[in-house]
Every structure is written in C-alpha cells, then in structure tokens.
Amino acid sequence: MAKYILGISCYYHDASAALLKDGKVVAAAQEERFTRKKHDTSFPINAVKFCLANENISIDAVSHIGFYEKPFLKLERVLFQHLQMFPRSLKTFLSSMSSWVNEKTRIVRAVKKKLG
C-alpha cells in the first residue's frame, strides 16, 4: 500500500500544497493558481484538492501532514521583535496578533476543519 504525505504552506505568501507518494512528489500546486489572487496567503484548500484528485485519493489515504514552519517558534520571534521596537511597534503588534491567535498558531485545527 502506498504511503502518502501531504505538505502544506499557508498564512504567509504563496500558499501551496504538495503530495508525496512513497517519498516522491506526485502533485504540487500554489493556491493562487485557483483563486487568481497573487501571493494568496489563505489555507490552500484548492491546491490540496488538486493534489488529492491528481492521485484519485481522499484525505483519508494520507498518513502524514506536514506544515512548512513551527508556528510557536515564529510567534516567539515576532513577539521579541515587537518588544525590541516598543512603543513604535504597538500599532503593528495590535493589527497582527489576531491572525496569530486565530490562524497561525492553530494550524492543526485548520487542517481538521478544512479537510475533515
């Protein structure tokens, strides 16, 4: 039986997905290809669907899902940078924290919600 791994990149620029079968790339796509939104940062649901359809499988056939970064490590760096620049960074800090709290640190929840 084939082993599938799905790779996901999102919430930065150029959201995308890639599917590996037994360690070899069998499909990959950027979300902007489907949404026509340049440098789309959203969860790449269309790219994921494309990758799965390319192999004619469902998400249930995927044994592992990988994400391109460690969100909490990046959040730590972001917080440190905001503290270094405080109080000049306050406006940027306030505007960026909602995406961190609601999306970027909750990638597992997003995957389960979007992919079932």
Protein backbone atom coordinates (compact mmCIF):
# COMPACT_ATOMS: atom_id res chain seq x y z
CA MET A 1 0.00 0.00 0.00
CA ALA A 2 1.31 3.44 -0.93
CA LYS A 3 2.29 5.92 1.77
CA TYR A 4 1.07 9.47 1.12
CA ILE A 5 2.37 12.62 2.80
CA LEU A 6 0.70 15.99 2.28
CA GLY A 7 2.75 19.16 2.70
CA ILE A 8 1.03 22.49 3.36
CA SER A 9 2.32 26.06 3.29
CA CYS A 10 -0.02 28.92 4.20
CA TYR A 11 -0.64 32.15 6.11
CA TYR A 12 2.41 33.78 4.57
CA HIS A 13 2.83 34.43 0.85
CA ASP A 14 2.26 31.87 -1.89
CA ALA A 15 0.14 29.29 -0.07
CA SER A 16 0.59 25.85 -1.60
CA ALA A 17 0.30 22.10 -1.19
CA ALA A 18 2.37 19.14 -2.30
CA LEU A 19 1.65 15.42 -2.21
CA LEU A 20 4.30 12.75 -1.89
CA LYS A 21 3.74 9.09 -2.67
CA ASP A 22 6.35 6.77 -1.21
CA GLY A 23 8.75 9.71 -0.91
CA LYS A 24 8.31 11.07 -4.43
CA VAL A 25 6.42 14.24 -5.38
CA VAL A 26 3.35 13.28 -7.39
CA ALA A 27 1.47 16.61 -7.26
CA ALA A 28 2.04 20.20 -6.20
CA ALA A 29 0.18 23.47 -6.70
CA GLN A 30 0.03 27.05 -5.47
CA GLU A 31 -3.32 28.32 -4.24
CA GLU A 32 -3.10 31.43 -6.45
CA ARG A 33 -3.47 29.17 -9.48
CA PHE A 34 -7.07 28.51 -8.41
CA THR A 35 -8.05 31.77 -6.70
CA ARG A 36 -6.29 34.08 -9.17
CA LYS A 37 -5.16 36.10 -6.15
CA LYS A 38 -1.44 36.88 -6.50
CA HIS A 39 0.60 35.68 -3.49
CA ASP A 40 -2.52 34.17 -1.89
CA THR A 41 -1.88 33.58 1.83
CA SER A 42 -5.04 31.62 2.67
CA PHE A 43 -5.29 27.96 3.58
CA PRO A 44 -4.61 26.16 0.27
CA ILE A 45 -7.81 24.11 0.12
CA ASN A 46 -7.98 24.23 -3.69
CA ALA A 47 -4.34 23.20 -4.04
CA VAL A 48 -4.90 20.32 -1.60
CA LYS A 49 -7.98 19.16 -3.52
CA PHE A 50 -5.96 19.30 -6.76
CA CYS A 51 -3.19 17.18 -5.26
CA LEU A 52 -5.61 14.58 -3.91
CA ALA A 53 -7.57 14.46 -7.18
CA ASN A 54 -4.33 14.01 -9.12
CA GLU A 55 -3.87 10.67 -7.32
CA ASN A 56 -7.62 9.94 -7.11
CA ILE A 57 -7.48 9.62 -3.31
CA SER A 58 -9.27 11.17 -0.35
CA ILE A 59 -7.65 12.82 2.65
CA ASP A 60 -8.15 9.51 4.49
CA ALA A 61 -5.41 7.94 2.34
CA VAL A 62 -2.86 10.48 3.64
CA SER A 63 -0.81 9.09 6.51
CA HIS A 64 1.02 12.30 7.47
CA ILE A 65 0.54 16.04 7.02
CA GLY A 66 3.50 18.40 7.25
CA PHE A 67 3.48 22.14 7.76
CA TYR A 68 6.30 24.36 6.50
CA GLU A 69 7.21 26.04 9.78
CA LYS A 70 6.91 25.87 13.55
CA PRO A 71 4.25 28.50 14.33
CA PHE A 72 5.07 28.95 18.02
CA LEU A 73 8.78 29.39 17.31
CA LYS A 74 7.96 32.07 14.75
CA LEU A 75 5.49 33.73 17.15
CA GLU A 76 8.25 33.89 19.74
CA ARG A 77 10.50 35.72 17.25
CA VAL A 78 7.67 38.09 16.28
CA LEU A 79 6.92 38.94 19.91
CA PHE A 80 10.61 39.51 20.63
CA GLN A 81 10.89 41.87 17.65
CA HIS A 82 7.82 43.82 18.76
CA LEU A 83 9.25 44.16 22.25
CA GLN A 84 12.54 45.42 20.85
CA MET A 85 10.75 48.12 18.88
CA PHE A 86 8.18 49.08 21.52
CA PRO A 87 6.41 51.55 21.65
CA ARG A 88 6.81 52.17 17.90
CA SER A 89 5.65 48.63 17.18
CA LEU A 90 2.39 48.84 19.13
CA LYS A 91 0.14 49.55 16.13
CA THR A 92 1.67 46.73 14.08
CA PHE A 93 1.56 44.40 17.06
CA LEU A 94 -2.15 45.02 17.63
CA SER A 95 -3.03 44.55 13.96
CA SER A 96 -1.04 41.33 13.55
CA MET A 97 -1.97 39.47 16.72
CA SER A 98 -5.49 38.50 15.64
CA SER A 99 -4.11 36.47 12.72
CA TRP A 100 -1.62 34.81 15.06
CA VAL A 101 -4.26 33.94 17.65
CA ASN A 102 -6.96 32.89 15.19
CA GLU A 103 -4.99 31.23 12.37
CA LYS A 104 -1.24 30.88 12.50
CA THR A 105 -0.95 29.04 15.83
CA ARG A 106 -3.95 26.82 15.11
CA ILE A 107 -2.82 25.00 12.01
CA VAL A 108 -3.89 21.57 13.28
CA ARG A 109 -7.42 22.87 13.88
CA ALA A 110 -7.47 24.47 10.41
CA VAL A 111 -6.37 21.24 8.73
CA LYS A 112 -9.06 19.22 10.54
CA LYS A 113 -11.74 21.82 9.81
CA LYS A 114 -10.87 22.31 6.13
CA LEU A 115 -10.02 18.72 5.24
CA GLY A 116 -12.33 16.76 7.53
